[in-house]
Amino acid sequence: MKTNKEKNIFSMSLADAEYRDAKGIPRYRQQDSSCEQVDHPKHYNKGKYETIDVIEDWDLDFHCGNALKYISRHKHKNNPGEDIKKAIWYLERYLENLR
């Protein structure tokens, strides 16, 4: 997420921007903390890539997408082991469905 503090707006991820263009929704919105917590939570925005953009780019299904989500944020939460356990749970369920 790129922030423009002078105008108090934030730019959307590429996927968000394309969706907004298709629906005729403006790409820029006023930034507020509640919107940011929903659209771009800080624990999903560590590093160069936002987790949802990777999930969509790699075309991951529900189980693998959730596993990646929990893995990507585990170091930025209060209980990292819990998020790793959740990721494992989704991957085990995915393996069950493959059989």
Protein backbone atom coordinates (compact mmCIF):
# COMPACT_ATOMS: atom_id res chain seq x y z
CA MET A 1 0.00 0.00 0.00
CA LYS A 2 1.35 3.39 -0.93
CA THR A 3 0.22 6.30 1.16
CA ASN A 4 0.02 9.89 -0.01
CA LYS A 5 -0.07 11.79 3.28
CA GLU A 6 -0.44 15.18 1.59
CA LYS A 7 -3.81 14.24 0.09
CA ASN A 8 -4.73 11.66 2.75
CA ILE A 9 -5.46 8.97 0.16
CA PHE A 10 -4.02 5.54 -0.46
CA SER A 11 -3.55 3.68 -3.69
CA MET A 12 -5.15 0.32 -4.20
CA SER A 13 -3.39 -2.94 -5.01
CA LEU A 14 -3.35 -3.87 -8.70
CA ALA A 15 -6.22 -6.34 -8.22
CA ASP A 16 -8.27 -3.72 -6.38
CA ALA A 17 -7.54 -1.12 -9.05
CA GLU A 18 -8.61 -3.43 -11.89
CA TYR A 19 -11.79 -4.39 -10.03
CA ARG A 20 -12.59 -0.75 -9.31
CA ASP A 21 -11.98 0.22 -12.95
CA ALA A 22 -14.31 -2.53 -14.16
CA LYS A 23 -17.05 -1.43 -11.74
CA GLY A 24 -16.54 2.29 -12.34
CA ILE A 25 -15.45 2.86 -8.73
CA PRO A 26 -12.78 5.55 -8.13
CA ARG A 27 -9.33 4.12 -7.40
CA TYR A 28 -8.66 6.51 -4.55
CA ARG A 29 -10.64 6.88 -1.35
CA GLN A 30 -10.19 8.90 1.77
CA GLN A 31 -8.04 6.95 4.18
CA ASP A 32 -9.48 6.11 7.55
CA SER A 33 -8.32 3.55 10.06
CA SER A 34 -11.45 1.36 9.90
CA CYS A 35 -11.27 1.12 6.10
CA GLU A 36 -7.57 0.37 6.20
CA GLN A 37 -8.11 -2.36 8.79
CA VAL A 38 -10.58 -4.06 6.42
CA ASP A 39 -8.97 -3.37 3.02
CA HIS A 40 -5.29 -3.51 3.93
CA PRO A 41 -4.61 -4.74 7.47
CA LYS A 42 -1.05 -4.08 8.59
CA HIS A 43 -0.35 -7.77 9.32
CA TYR A 44 -1.02 -8.52 5.62
CA ASN A 45 1.24 -5.73 4.34
CA LYS A 46 4.73 -6.71 5.42
CA GLY A 47 7.27 -6.71 2.63
CA LYS A 48 6.78 -5.94 -1.06
CA TYR A 49 3.57 -7.89 -1.72
CA GLU A 50 0.16 -7.93 -0.12
CA THR A 51 -0.97 -11.46 0.65
CA ILE A 52 -4.23 -11.26 -1.31
CA ASP A 53 -2.35 -10.17 -4.44
CA VAL A 54 -0.09 -13.24 -4.24
CA ILE A 55 -3.07 -15.57 -3.64
CA GLU A 56 -4.90 -14.14 -6.65
CA ASP A 57 -1.82 -14.02 -8.90
CA TRP A 58 -0.98 -17.64 -8.13
CA ASP A 59 -4.68 -18.62 -8.53
CA LEU A 60 -4.65 -20.48 -5.21
CA ASP A 61 -7.78 -22.29 -4.11
CA PHE A 62 -9.53 -21.70 -0.77
CA HIS A 63 -7.41 -24.09 1.30
CA CYS A 64 -4.00 -23.12 -0.10
CA GLY A 65 -4.91 -19.43 -0.08
CA ASN A 66 -5.85 -19.57 3.59
CA ALA A 67 -2.68 -21.51 4.42
CA LEU A 68 -0.59 -18.85 2.68
CA LYS A 69 -2.53 -16.11 4.49
CA TYR A 70 -1.80 -17.61 7.91
CA ILE A 71 1.85 -18.31 7.08
CA SER A 72 2.43 -14.81 5.74
CA ARG A 73 1.12 -13.08 8.84
CA HIS A 74 2.21 -15.43 11.64
CA LYS A 75 5.28 -13.42 12.66
CA HIS A 76 3.23 -10.24 12.97
CA LYS A 77 0.57 -11.52 15.35
CA ASN A 78 0.55 -12.09 19.11
CA ASN A 79 0.52 -15.89 18.87
CA PRO A 80 2.52 -16.99 15.80
CA GLY A 81 2.20 -20.69 16.59
CA GLU A 82 -1.58 -20.47 16.36
CA ASP A 83 -1.44 -19.13 12.81
CA ILE A 84 0.99 -21.88 11.77
CA LYS A 85 -1.38 -24.48 13.24
CA LYS A 86 -4.23 -22.96 11.25
CA ALA A 87 -2.13 -23.10 8.07
CA ILE A 88 -1.33 -26.77 8.72
CA TRP A 89 -5.03 -27.47 9.35
CA TYR A 90 -5.96 -26.02 5.94
CA LEU A 91 -3.17 -27.95 4.20
CA GLU A 92 -4.17 -31.23 5.86
CA ARG A 93 -7.78 -30.68 4.82
CA TYR A 94 -6.57 -29.94 1.29
CA LEU A 95 -4.63 -33.22 1.25
CA GLU A 96 -7.73 -35.11 2.44
CA ASN A 97 -9.68 -33.69 -0.50
CA LEU A 98 -6.98 -34.79 -2.96
CA ARG A 99 -7.41 -38.46 -2.05
